[in-house]
Full PDB file with SEQRES, HELIX, SHEET, SSBOND, CRYST1, ORIGX, SCALE, CONECT and MASTER records, all heavy atoms in Angstrom:
SEQRES   1 A   44  GLN VAL VAL GLU SER GLY GLY GLY LEU VAL GLN ALA GLY          
SEQRES   2 A   44  GLY SER LEU ARG LEU SER CYS ALA LEU SER GLY ARG THR          
SEQRES   3 A   44  SER THR SER TYR THR MET GLY TRP PHE ARG GLN ALA PRO          
SEQRES   4 A   44  GLY LYS GLU ARG GLU                                          
SHEET    1 AA1 2 VAL A   2  SER A   5  0                                        
SHEET    2 AA1 2 SER A  19  LEU A  22 -1                                        
CRYST1    1.000    1.000    1.000  90.00  90.00  90.00 P 1           1          
ORIGX1      1.000000  0.000000  0.000000        0.00000                         
ORIGX2      0.000000  1.000000  0.000000        0.00000                         
ORIGX3      0.000000  0.000000  1.000000        0.00000                         
SCALE1      1.000000  0.000000  0.000000        0.00000                         
SCALE2      0.000000  1.000000  0.000000        0.00000                         
SCALE3      0.000000  0.000000  1.000000        0.00000                         
ATOM      1  N   GLN A   1      88.224  -4.510 117.023  1.00  0.00           N  
ATOM      2  CA  GLN A   1      87.587  -3.228 116.830  1.00  0.00           C  
ATOM      3  C   GLN A   1      86.124  -3.311 117.271  1.00  0.00           C  
ATOM      4  O   GLN A   1      85.471  -4.338 117.091  1.00  0.00           O  
ATOM      5  CB  GLN A   1      87.653  -2.784 115.369  1.00  0.00           C  
ATOM      6  CG  GLN A   1      89.034  -2.385 114.895  1.00  0.00           C  
ATOM      7  CD  GLN A   1      89.917  -3.575 114.633  1.00  0.00           C  
ATOM      8  OE1 GLN A   1      91.016  -3.679 115.157  1.00  0.00           O  
ATOM      9  NE2 GLN A   1      89.438  -4.505 113.810  1.00  0.00           N  
ATOM     10  N   VAL A   2      85.650  -2.229 117.840  1.00  0.00           N  
ATOM     11  CA  VAL A   2      84.283  -2.141 118.330  1.00  0.00           C  
ATOM     12  C   VAL A   2      83.637  -0.937 117.670  1.00  0.00           C  
ATOM     13  O   VAL A   2      84.165   0.172 117.749  1.00  0.00           O  
ATOM     14  CB  VAL A   2      84.234  -1.986 119.859  1.00  0.00           C  
ATOM     15  CG1 VAL A   2      82.787  -1.965 120.348  1.00  0.00           C  
ATOM     16  CG2 VAL A   2      85.021  -3.100 120.540  1.00  0.00           C  
ATOM     17  N   VAL A   3      82.500  -1.143 117.042  1.00  0.00           N  
ATOM     18  CA  VAL A   3      81.822  -0.066 116.334  1.00  0.00           C  
ATOM     19  C   VAL A   3      80.356  -0.031 116.733  1.00  0.00           C  
ATOM     20  O   VAL A   3      79.637  -1.013 116.562  1.00  0.00           O  
ATOM     21  CB  VAL A   3      81.943  -0.223 114.810  1.00  0.00           C  
ATOM     22  CG1 VAL A   3      81.221   0.924 114.103  1.00  0.00           C  
ATOM     23  CG2 VAL A   3      83.405  -0.261 114.388  1.00  0.00           C  
ATOM     24  N   GLU A   4      79.909   1.121 117.244  1.00  0.00           N  
ATOM     25  CA  GLU A   4      78.513   1.328 117.597  1.00  0.00           C  
ATOM     26  C   GLU A   4      77.800   2.083 116.485  1.00  0.00           C  
ATOM     27  O   GLU A   4      78.412   2.856 115.747  1.00  0.00           O  
ATOM     28  CB  GLU A   4      78.367   2.141 118.889  1.00  0.00           C  
ATOM     29  CG  GLU A   4      79.197   1.660 120.056  1.00  0.00           C  
ATOM     30  CD  GLU A   4      80.494   2.422 120.196  1.00  0.00           C  
ATOM     31  OE1 GLU A   4      81.015   2.933 119.188  1.00  0.00           O  
ATOM     32  OE2 GLU A   4      80.997   2.504 121.339  1.00  0.00           O  
ATOM     33  N   SER A   5      76.506   1.881 116.417  1.00  0.00           N  
ATOM     34  CA  SER A   5      75.686   2.624 115.484  1.00  0.00           C  
ATOM     35  C   SER A   5      74.262   2.678 116.009  1.00  0.00           C  
ATOM     36  O   SER A   5      73.894   1.935 116.914  1.00  0.00           O  
ATOM     37  CB  SER A   5      75.715   1.992 114.089  1.00  0.00           C  
ATOM     38  OG  SER A   5      75.178   0.679 114.115  1.00  0.00           O  
ATOM     39  N   GLY A   6      73.472   3.559 115.435  1.00  0.00           N  
ATOM     40  CA  GLY A   6      72.058   3.615 115.749  1.00  0.00           C  
ATOM     41  C   GLY A   6      71.621   4.786 116.596  1.00  0.00           C  
ATOM     42  O   GLY A   6      70.424   4.943 116.862  1.00  0.00           O  
ATOM     43  N   GLY A   7      72.563   5.611 117.031  1.00  0.00           N  
ATOM     44  CA  GLY A   7      72.195   6.768 117.824  1.00  0.00           C  
ATOM     45  C   GLY A   7      71.465   7.803 116.991  1.00  0.00           C  
ATOM     46  O   GLY A   7      71.415   7.737 115.765  1.00  0.00           O  
ATOM     47  N   GLY A   8      70.896   8.769 117.676  1.00  0.00           N  
ATOM     48  CA  GLY A   8      70.178   9.826 116.992  1.00  0.00           C  
ATOM     49  C   GLY A   8      69.378  10.665 117.948  1.00  0.00           C  
ATOM     50  O   GLY A   8      69.553  10.601 119.172  1.00  0.00           O  
ATOM     51  N   LEU A   9      68.497  11.459 117.388  1.00  0.00           N  
ATOM     52  CA  LEU A   9      67.621  12.350 118.143  1.00  0.00           C  
ATOM     53  C   LEU A   9      66.229  11.744 118.199  1.00  0.00           C  
ATOM     54  O   LEU A   9      65.666  11.363 117.170  1.00  0.00           O  
ATOM     55  CB  LEU A   9      67.575  13.727 117.482  1.00  0.00           C  
ATOM     56  CG  LEU A   9      66.625  14.751 118.083  1.00  0.00           C  
ATOM     57  CD1 LEU A   9      67.036  15.105 119.499  1.00  0.00           C  
ATOM     58  CD2 LEU A   9      66.575  15.988 117.199  1.00  0.00           C  
ATOM     59  N   VAL A  10      65.679  11.679 119.397  1.00  0.00           N  
ATOM     60  CA  VAL A  10      64.358  11.104 119.585  1.00  0.00           C  
ATOM     61  C   VAL A  10      63.621  11.892 120.657  1.00  0.00           C  
ATOM     62  O   VAL A  10      64.234  12.445 121.572  1.00  0.00           O  
ATOM     63  CB  VAL A  10      64.467   9.606 119.964  1.00  0.00           C  
ATOM     64  CG1 VAL A  10      65.160   9.431 121.309  1.00  0.00           C  
ATOM     65  CG2 VAL A  10      63.103   8.933 119.965  1.00  0.00           C  
ATOM     66  N   GLN A  11      62.315  11.956 120.536  1.00  0.00           N  
ATOM     67  CA  GLN A  11      61.506  12.623 121.548  1.00  0.00           C  
ATOM     68  C   GLN A  11      61.339  11.741 122.773  1.00  0.00           C  
ATOM     69  O   GLN A  11      61.404  10.509 122.689  1.00  0.00           O  
ATOM     70  CB  GLN A  11      60.131  12.982 120.989  1.00  0.00           C  
ATOM     71  CG  GLN A  11      60.141  14.088 119.949  1.00  0.00           C  
ATOM     72  CD  GLN A  11      58.752  14.474 119.520  1.00  0.00           C  
ATOM     73  OE1 GLN A  11      57.898  13.629 119.279  1.00  0.00           O  
ATOM     74  NE2 GLN A  11      58.510  15.774 119.436  1.00  0.00           N  
ATOM     75  N   ALA A  12      61.133  12.373 123.906  1.00  0.00           N  
ATOM     76  CA  ALA A  12      60.871  11.632 125.134  1.00  0.00           C  
ATOM     77  C   ALA A  12      59.716  10.655 124.929  1.00  0.00           C  
ATOM     78  O   ALA A  12      58.699  11.001 124.328  1.00  0.00           O  
ATOM     79  CB  ALA A  12      60.567  12.587 126.277  1.00  0.00           C  
ATOM     80  N   GLY A  13      59.899   9.446 125.433  1.00  0.00           N  
ATOM     81  CA  GLY A  13      58.919   8.394 125.249  1.00  0.00           C  
ATOM     82  C   GLY A  13      59.160   7.531 124.034  1.00  0.00           C  
ATOM     83  O   GLY A  13      58.525   6.472 123.891  1.00  0.00           O  
ATOM     84  N   GLY A  14      60.069   7.947 123.181  1.00  0.00           N  
ATOM     85  CA  GLY A  14      60.367   7.202 121.980  1.00  0.00           C  
ATOM     86  C   GLY A  14      61.374   6.100 122.211  1.00  0.00           C  
ATOM     87  O   GLY A  14      61.787   5.827 123.337  1.00  0.00           O  
ATOM     88  N   SER A  15      61.789   5.486 121.115  1.00  0.00           N  
ATOM     89  CA  SER A  15      62.685   4.340 121.175  1.00  0.00           C  
ATOM     90  C   SER A  15      63.817   4.476 120.175  1.00  0.00           C  
ATOM     91  O   SER A  15      63.676   5.115 119.132  1.00  0.00           O  
ATOM     92  CB  SER A  15      61.926   3.040 120.870  1.00  0.00           C  
ATOM     93  OG  SER A  15      60.906   2.795 121.821  1.00  0.00           O  
ATOM     94  N   LEU A  16      64.924   3.868 120.519  1.00  0.00           N  
ATOM     95  CA  LEU A  16      66.047   3.707 119.616  1.00  0.00           C  
ATOM     96  C   LEU A  16      66.643   2.335 119.839  1.00  0.00           C  
ATOM     97  O   LEU A  16      66.556   1.784 120.942  1.00  0.00           O  
ATOM     98  CB  LEU A  16      67.133   4.761 119.856  1.00  0.00           C  
ATOM     99  CG  LEU A  16      66.904   6.179 119.359  1.00  0.00           C  
ATOM    100  CD1 LEU A  16      68.032   7.082 119.854  1.00  0.00           C  
ATOM    101  CD2 LEU A  16      66.828   6.215 117.842  1.00  0.00           C  
ATOM    102  N   ARG A  17      67.270   1.813 118.810  1.00  0.00           N  
ATOM    103  CA  ARG A  17      67.975   0.548 118.918  1.00  0.00           C  
ATOM    104  C   ARG A  17      69.417   0.778 118.499  1.00  0.00           C  
ATOM    105  O   ARG A  17      69.684   1.140 117.352  1.00  0.00           O  
ATOM    106  CB  ARG A  17      67.331  -0.521 118.040  1.00  0.00           C  
ATOM    107  CG  ARG A  17      67.951  -1.913 118.204  1.00  0.00           C  
ATOM    108  CD  ARG A  17      67.205  -2.948 117.373  1.00  0.00           C  
ATOM    109  NE  ARG A  17      67.774  -4.280 117.474  1.00  0.00           N  
ATOM    110  CZ  ARG A  17      67.441  -5.174 118.391  1.00  0.00           C  
ATOM    111  NH1 ARG A  17      66.530  -4.882 119.311  1.00  0.00           N  
ATOM    112  NH2 ARG A  17      68.010  -6.376 118.396  1.00  0.00           N  
ATOM    113  N   LEU A  18      70.325   0.558 119.425  1.00  0.00           N  
ATOM    114  CA  LEU A  18      71.738   0.672 119.151  1.00  0.00           C  
ATOM    115  C   LEU A  18      72.302  -0.690 118.803  1.00  0.00           C  
ATOM    116  O   LEU A  18      71.882  -1.712 119.347  1.00  0.00           O  
ATOM    117  CB  LEU A  18      72.488   1.230 120.362  1.00  0.00           C  
ATOM    118  CG  LEU A  18      71.994   2.554 120.937  1.00  0.00           C  
ATOM    119  CD1 LEU A  18      72.895   2.979 122.092  1.00  0.00           C  
ATOM    120  CD2 LEU A  18      71.934   3.632 119.867  1.00  0.00           C  
ATOM    121  N   SER A  19      73.264  -0.687 117.906  1.00  0.00           N  
ATOM    122  CA  SER A  19      73.934  -1.914 117.522  1.00  0.00           C  
ATOM    123  C   SER A  19      75.427  -1.763 117.735  1.00  0.00           C  
ATOM    124  O   SER A  19      75.978  -0.670 117.653  1.00  0.00           O  
ATOM    125  CB  SER A  19      73.653  -2.260 116.058  1.00  0.00           C  
ATOM    126  OG  SER A  19      72.289  -2.548 115.857  1.00  0.00           O  
ATOM    127  N   CYS A  20      76.071  -2.881 117.993  1.00  0.00           N  
ATOM    128  CA  CYS A  20      77.506  -2.913 118.198  1.00  0.00           C  
ATOM    129  C   CYS A  20      78.058  -4.138 117.502  1.00  0.00           C  
ATOM    130  O   CYS A  20      77.501  -5.235 117.638  1.00  0.00           O  
ATOM    131  CB  CYS A  20      77.829  -2.951 119.689  1.00  0.00           C  
ATOM    132  SG  CYS A  20      79.577  -3.144 120.082  1.00  0.00           S  
ATOM    133  N   ALA A  21      79.144  -3.957 116.792  1.00  0.00           N  
ATOM    134  CA  ALA A  21      79.765  -5.057 116.083  1.00  0.00           C  
ATOM    135  C   ALA A  21      81.242  -5.143 116.428  1.00  0.00           C  
ATOM    136  O   ALA A  21      81.934  -4.124 116.505  1.00  0.00           O  
ATOM    137  CB  ALA A  21      79.593  -4.894 114.578  1.00  0.00           C  
ATOM    138  N   LEU A  22      81.709  -6.356 116.644  1.00  0.00           N  
ATOM    139  CA  LEU A  22      83.126  -6.614 116.827  1.00  0.00           C  
ATOM    140  C   LEU A  22      83.730  -7.091 115.523  1.00  0.00           C  
ATOM    141  O   LEU A  22      83.102  -7.824 114.764  1.00  0.00           O  
ATOM    142  CB  LEU A  22      83.369  -7.682 117.887  1.00  0.00           C  
ATOM    143  CG  LEU A  22      82.949  -7.405 119.322  1.00  0.00           C  
ATOM    144  CD1 LEU A  22      83.394  -8.551 120.213  1.00  0.00           C  
ATOM    145  CD2 LEU A  22      83.534  -6.093 119.814  1.00  0.00           C  
ATOM    146  N   SER A  23      84.953  -6.689 115.283  1.00  0.00           N  
ATOM    147  CA  SER A  23      85.685  -7.177 114.133  1.00  0.00           C  
ATOM    148  C   SER A  23      87.145  -7.360 114.514  1.00  0.00           C  
ATOM    149  O   SER A  23      87.593  -6.894 115.551  1.00  0.00           O  
ATOM    150  CB  SER A  23      85.556  -6.230 112.945  1.00  0.00           C  
ATOM    151  OG  SER A  23      86.106  -4.961 113.245  1.00  0.00           O  
ATOM    152  N   GLY A  24      87.866  -8.054 113.658  1.00  0.00           N  
ATOM    153  CA  GLY A  24      89.255  -8.335 113.944  1.00  0.00           C  
ATOM    154  C   GLY A  24      89.419  -9.700 114.575  1.00  0.00           C  
ATOM    155  O   GLY A  24      88.809 -10.670 114.124  1.00  0.00           O  
ATOM    156  N   ARG A  25      90.194  -9.772 115.630  1.00  0.00           N  
ATOM    157  CA  ARG A  25      90.491 -11.034 116.294  1.00  0.00           C  
ATOM    158  C   ARG A  25      89.398 -11.366 117.300  1.00  0.00           C  
ATOM    159  O   ARG A  25      89.538 -11.134 118.501  1.00  0.00           O  
ATOM    160  CB  ARG A  25      91.858 -10.956 116.964  1.00  0.00           C  
ATOM    161  CG  ARG A  25      92.983 -10.695 115.978  1.00  0.00           C  
ATOM    162  CD  ARG A  25      94.311 -10.514 116.671  1.00  0.00           C  
ATOM    163  NE  ARG A  25      95.363 -10.170 115.727  1.00  0.00           N  
ATOM    164  CZ  ARG A  25      96.606  -9.888 116.058  1.00  0.00           C  
ATOM    165  NH1 ARG A  25      96.973  -9.910 117.338  1.00  0.00           N  
ATOM    166  NH2 ARG A  25      97.489  -9.576 115.129  1.00  0.00           N  
ATOM    167  N   THR A  26      88.330 -11.938 116.775  1.00  0.00           N  
ATOM    168  CA  THR A  26      87.133 -12.166 117.580  1.00  0.00           C  
ATOM    169  C   THR A  26      86.818 -13.642 117.758  1.00  0.00           C  
ATOM    170  O   THR A  26      85.665 -14.010 117.979  1.00  0.00           O  
ATOM    171  CB  THR A  26      85.934 -11.445 116.957  1.00  0.00           C  
ATOM    172  OG1 THR A  26      85.742 -11.901 115.618  1.00  0.00           O  
ATOM    173  CG2 THR A  26      86.150  -9.941 116.959  1.00  0.00           C  
ATOM    174  N   SER A  27      87.819 -14.491 117.672  1.00  0.00           N  
ATOM    175  CA  SER A  27      87.588 -15.918 117.865  1.00  0.00           C  
ATOM    176  C   SER A  27      87.232 -16.253 119.307  1.00  0.00           C  
ATOM    177  O   SER A  27      86.596 -17.271 119.566  1.00  0.00           O  
ATOM    178  CB  SER A  27      88.814 -16.716 117.428  1.00  0.00           C  
ATOM    179  OG  SER A  27      89.962 -16.348 118.169  1.00  0.00           O  
ATOM    180  N   THR A  28      87.652 -15.424 120.230  1.00  0.00           N  
ATOM    181  CA  THR A  28      87.335 -15.603 121.641  1.00  0.00           C  
ATOM    182  C   THR A  28      86.021 -14.912 121.971  1.00  0.00           C  
ATOM    183  O   THR A  28      85.752 -13.823 121.471  1.00  0.00           O  
ATOM    184  CB  THR A  28      88.456 -15.032 122.521  1.00  0.00           C  
ATOM    185  OG1 THR A  28      89.685 -15.693 122.218  1.00  0.00           O  
ATOM    186  CG2 THR A  28      88.146 -15.214 123.995  1.00  0.00           C  
ATOM    187  N   SER A  29      85.223 -15.543 122.810  1.00  0.00           N  
ATOM    188  CA  SER A  29      83.987 -14.922 123.268  1.00  0.00           C  
ATOM    189  C   SER A  29      84.291 -13.782 124.230  1.00  0.00           C  
ATOM    190  O   SER A  29      85.229 -13.853 125.024  1.00  0.00           O  
ATOM    191  CB  SER A  29      83.094 -15.951 123.950  1.00  0.00           C  
ATOM    192  OG  SER A  29      82.682 -16.954 123.041  1.00  0.00           O  
ATOM    193  N   TYR A  30      83.485 -12.743 124.149  1.00  0.00           N  
ATOM    194  CA  TYR A  30      83.658 -11.580 125.003  1.00  0.00           C  
ATOM    195  C   TYR A  30      82.366 -11.223 125.708  1.00  0.00           C  
ATOM    196  O   TYR A  30      81.280 -11.373 125.143  1.00  0.00           O  
ATOM    197  CB  TYR A  30      84.086 -10.358 124.177  1.00  0.00           C  
ATOM    198  CG  TYR A  30      85.475 -10.453 123.606  1.00  0.00           C  
ATOM    199  CD1 TYR A  30      85.678 -10.941 122.324  1.00  0.00           C  
ATOM    200  CD2 TYR A  30      86.573 -10.048 124.346  1.00  0.00           C  
ATOM    201  CE1 TYR A  30      86.957 -11.024 121.795  1.00  0.00           C  
ATOM    202  CE2 TYR A  30      87.846 -10.129 123.826  1.00  0.00           C  
ATOM    203  CZ  TYR A  30      88.038 -10.618 122.545  1.00  0.00           C  
ATOM    204  OH  TYR A  30      89.303 -10.695 122.026  1.00  0.00           O  
ATOM    205  N   THR A  31      82.519 -10.766 126.933  1.00  0.00           N  
ATOM    206  CA  THR A  31      81.431 -10.027 127.542  1.00  0.00           C  
ATOM    207  C   THR A  31      81.233  -8.735 126.759  1.00  0.00           C  
ATOM    208  O   THR A  31      82.209  -8.062 126.413  1.00  0.00           O  
ATOM    209  CB  THR A  31      81.752  -9.706 129.009  1.00  0.00           C  
ATOM    210  OG1 THR A  31      81.719 -10.910 129.769  1.00  0.00           O  
ATOM    211  CG2 THR A  31      80.757  -8.719 129.589  1.00  0.00           C  
ATOM    212  N   MET A  32      79.990  -8.408 126.492  1.00  0.00           N  
ATOM    213  CA  MET A  32      79.670  -7.188 125.777  1.00  0.00           C  
ATOM    214  C   MET A  32      78.864  -6.288 126.692  1.00  0.00           C  
ATOM    215  O   MET A  32      77.875  -6.720 127.279  1.00  0.00           O  
ATOM    216  CB  MET A  32      78.869  -7.486 124.512  1.00  0.00           C  
ATOM    217  CG  MET A  32      79.578  -8.412 123.534  1.00  0.00           C  
ATOM    218  SD  MET A  32      81.080  -7.679 122.837  1.00  0.00           S  
ATOM    219  CE  MET A  32      80.376  -6.296 121.938  1.00  0.00           C  
ATOM    220  N   GLY A  33      79.298  -5.060 126.784  1.00  0.00           N  
ATOM    221  CA  GLY A  33      78.636  -4.117 127.661  1.00  0.00           C  
ATOM    222  C   GLY A  33      78.342  -2.798 126.983  1.00  0.00           C  
ATOM    223  O   GLY A  33      78.969  -2.436 125.984  1.00  0.00           O  
ATOM    224  N   TRP A  34      77.371  -2.115 127.531  1.00  0.00           N  
ATOM    225  CA  TRP A  34      77.037  -0.762 127.110  1.00  0.00           C  
ATOM    226  C   TRP A  34      77.230   0.186 128.286  1.00  0.00           C  
ATOM    227  O   TRP A  34      76.790  -0.104 129.404  1.00  0.00           O  
ATOM    228  CB  TRP A  34      75.597  -0.653 126.616  1.00  0.00           C  
ATOM    229  CG  TRP A  34      75.345  -1.296 125.295  1.00  0.00           C  
ATOM    230  CD1 TRP A  34      74.872  -2.554 125.068  1.00  0.00           C  
ATOM    231  CD2 TRP A  34      75.539  -0.698 124.015  1.00  0.00           C  
ATOM    232  NE1 TRP A  34      74.758  -2.781 123.725  1.00  0.00           N  
ATOM    233  CE2 TRP A  34      75.164  -1.656 123.051  1.00  0.00           C  
ATOM    234  CE3 TRP A  34      75.985   0.543 123.583  1.00  0.00           C  
ATOM    235  CZ2 TRP A  34      75.225  -1.408 121.680  1.00  0.00           C  
ATOM    236  CZ3 TRP A  34      76.050   0.795 122.217  1.00  0.00           C  
ATOM    237  CH2 TRP A  34      75.672  -0.170 121.292  1.00  0.00           C  
ATOM    238  N   PHE A  35      77.881   1.292 128.012  1.00  0.00           N  
ATOM    239  CA  PHE A  35      78.075   2.357 128.971  1.00  0.00           C  
ATOM    240  C   PHE A  35      77.659   3.665 128.323  1.00  0.00           C  
ATOM    241  O   PHE A  35      77.570   3.756 127.098  1.00  0.00           O  
ATOM    242  CB  PHE A  35      79.539   2.428 129.418  1.00  0.00           C  
ATOM    243  CG  PHE A  35      80.014   1.200 130.137  1.00  0.00           C  
ATOM    244  CD1 PHE A  35      80.376   0.055 129.441  1.00  0.00           C  
ATOM    245  CD2 PHE A  35      80.096   1.179 131.527  1.00  0.00           C  
ATOM    246  CE1 PHE A  35      80.813  -1.084 130.100  1.00  0.00           C  
ATOM    247  CE2 PHE A  35      80.537   0.049 132.198  1.00  0.00           C  
ATOM    248  CZ  PHE A  35      80.888  -1.082 131.486  1.00  0.00           C  
ATOM    249  N   ARG A  36      77.433   4.658 129.134  1.00  0.00           N  
ATOM    250  CA  ARG A  36      77.092   5.959 128.582  1.00  0.00           C  
ATOM    251  C   ARG A  36      77.757   7.054 129.392  1.00  0.00           C  
ATOM    252  O   ARG A  36      78.079   6.884 130.565  1.00  0.00           O  
ATOM    253  CB  ARG A  36      75.574   6.169 128.536  1.00  0.00           C  
ATOM    254  CG  ARG A  36      74.900   6.253 129.897  1.00  0.00           C  
ATOM    255  CD  ARG A  36      73.395   6.294 129.735  1.00  0.00           C  
ATOM    256  NE  ARG A  36      72.708   6.447 131.007  1.00  0.00           N  
ATOM    257  CZ  ARG A  36      71.390   6.386 131.159  1.00  0.00           C  
ATOM    258  NH1 ARG A  36      70.608   6.175 130.100  1.00  0.00           N  
ATOM    259  NH2 ARG A  36      70.854   6.540 132.356  1.00  0.00           N  
ATOM    260  N   GLN A  37      77.931   8.182 128.741  1.00  0.00           N  
ATOM    261  CA  GLN A  37      78.571   9.313 129.385  1.00  0.00           C  
ATOM    262  C   GLN A  37      77.910  10.600 128.914  1.00  0.00           C  
ATOM    263  O   GLN A  37      77.919  10.915 127.727  1.00  0.00           O  
ATOM    264  CB  GLN A  37      80.063   9.340 129.076  1.00  0.00           C  
ATOM    265  CG  GLN A  37      80.832  10.370 129.878  1.00  0.00           C  
ATOM    266  CD  GLN A  37      82.329  10.144 129.806  1.00  0.00           C  
ATOM    267  OE1 GLN A  37      82.821   9.486 128.898  1.00  0.00           O  
ATOM    268  NE2 GLN A  37      83.052  10.682 130.766  1.00  0.00           N  
ATOM    269  N   ALA A  38      77.355  11.311 129.857  1.00  0.00           N  
ATOM    270  CA  ALA A  38      76.771  12.613 129.592  1.00  0.00           C  
ATOM    271  C   ALA A  38      77.828  13.686 129.815  1.00  0.00           C  
ATOM    272  O   ALA A  38      78.803  13.467 130.541  1.00  0.00           O  
ATOM    273  CB  ALA A  38      75.571  12.851 130.501  1.00  0.00           C  
ATOM    274  N   PRO A  39      77.655  14.860 129.213  1.00  0.00           N  
ATOM    275  CA  PRO A  39      78.634  15.930 129.382  1.00  0.00           C  
ATOM    276  C   PRO A  39      78.882  16.255 130.852  1.00  0.00           C  
ATOM    277  O   PRO A  39      77.940  16.419 131.627  1.00  0.00           O  
ATOM    278  CB  PRO A  39      77.998  17.113 128.653  1.00  0.00           C  
ATOM    279  CG  PRO A  39      77.125  16.479 127.623  1.00  0.00           C  
ATOM    280  CD  PRO A  39      76.576  15.244 128.284  1.00  0.00           C  
ATOM    281  N   GLY A  40      80.143  16.315 131.222  1.00  0.00           N  
ATOM    282  CA  GLY A  40      80.510  16.657 132.579  1.00  0.00           C  
ATOM    283  C   GLY A  40      80.342  15.549 133.595  1.00  0.00           C  
ATOM    284  O   GLY A  40      80.572  15.779 134.786  1.00  0.00           O  
ATOM    285  N   LYS A  41      79.946  14.369 133.159  1.00  0.00           N  
ATOM    286  CA  LYS A  41      79.737  13.258 134.073  1.00  0.00           C  
ATOM    287  C   LYS A  41      80.658  12.094 133.727  1.00  0.00           C  
ATOM    288  O   LYS A  41      81.172  11.995 132.616  1.00  0.00           O  
ATOM    289  CB  LYS A  41      78.278  12.793 134.033  1.00  0.00           C  
ATOM    290  CG  LYS A  41      77.279  13.835 134.502  1.00  0.00           C  
ATOM    291  CD  LYS A  41      75.875  13.278 134.522  1.00  0.00           C  
ATOM    292  CE  LYS A  41      74.878  14.297 135.025  1.00  0.00           C  
ATOM    293  NZ  LYS A  41      73.493  13.755 135.043  1.00  0.00           N  
ATOM    294  N   GLU A  42      80.839  11.219 134.697  1.00  0.00           N  
ATOM    295  CA  GLU A  42      81.641  10.030 134.472  1.00  0.00           C  
ATOM    296  C   GLU A  42      80.843   8.981 133.715  1.00  0.00           C  
ATOM    297  O   GLU A  42      79.611   8.998 133.701  1.00  0.00           O  
ATOM    298  CB  GLU A  42      82.138   9.466 135.799  1.00  0.00           C  
ATOM    299  CG  GLU A  42      83.104  10.377 136.521  1.00  0.00           C  
ATOM    300  CD  GLU A  42      83.719   9.728 137.731  1.00  0.00           C  
ATOM    301  OE1 GLU A  42      83.283   8.625 138.121  1.00  0.00           O  
ATOM    302  OE2 GLU A  42      84.652  10.318 138.295  1.00  0.00           O  
ATOM    303  N   ARG A  43      81.573   8.076 133.110  1.00  0.00           N  
ATOM    304  CA  ARG A  43      80.942   7.018 132.356  1.00  0.00           C  
ATOM    305  C   ARG A  43      80.133   6.107 133.283  1.00  0.00           C  
ATOM    306  O   ARG A  43      80.597   5.712 134.353  1.00  0.00           O  
ATOM    307  CB  ARG A  43      81.994   6.220 131.598  1.00  0.00           C  
ATOM    308  CG  ARG A  43      81.438   5.392 130.459  1.00  0.00           C  
ATOM    309  CD  ARG A  43      82.548   5.030 129.465  1.00  0.00           C  
ATOM    310  NE  ARG A  43      83.091   6.210 128.813  1.00  0.00           N  
ATOM    311  CZ  ARG A  43      83.992   6.171 127.838  1.00  0.00           C  
ATOM    312  NH1 ARG A  43      84.452   5.003 127.397  1.00  0.00           N  
ATOM    313  NH2 ARG A  43      84.436   7.299 127.309  1.00  0.00           N  
ATOM    314  N   GLU A  44      78.933   5.752 132.844  1.00  0.00           N  
ATOM    315  CA  GLU A  44      77.970   5.018 133.650  1.00  0.00           C  
ATOM    316  C   GLU A  44      77.640   3.678 133.005  1.00  0.00           C  
ATOM    317  O   GLU A  44      77.424   3.590 131.794  1.00  0.00           O  
ATOM    318  CB  GLU A  44      76.689   5.853 133.801  1.00  0.00           C  
ATOM    319  CG  GLU A  44      75.547   5.154 134.505  1.00  0.00           C  
ATOM    320  CD  GLU A  44      74.239   5.912 134.401  1.00  0.00           C  
ATOM    321  OE1 GLU A  44      74.138   6.818 133.541  1.00  0.00           O  
ATOM    322  OE2 GLU A  44      73.313   5.620 135.175  1.00  0.00           O  
TER     323      GLU A  44                                                      
MASTER        0    0    0    0    2    0    0    6  322    1    0    4          
END                                                                             
């Protein structure tokens, strides 16, 4: 399982810190990536 947190509303120039946690069968190492998707656009 993959769970993200930390999103929110921020003014331009500000900062946010997103976190992601793996759970379940996580004995194997994984590449971890971040992607984003804006309305009407493909995932980036």
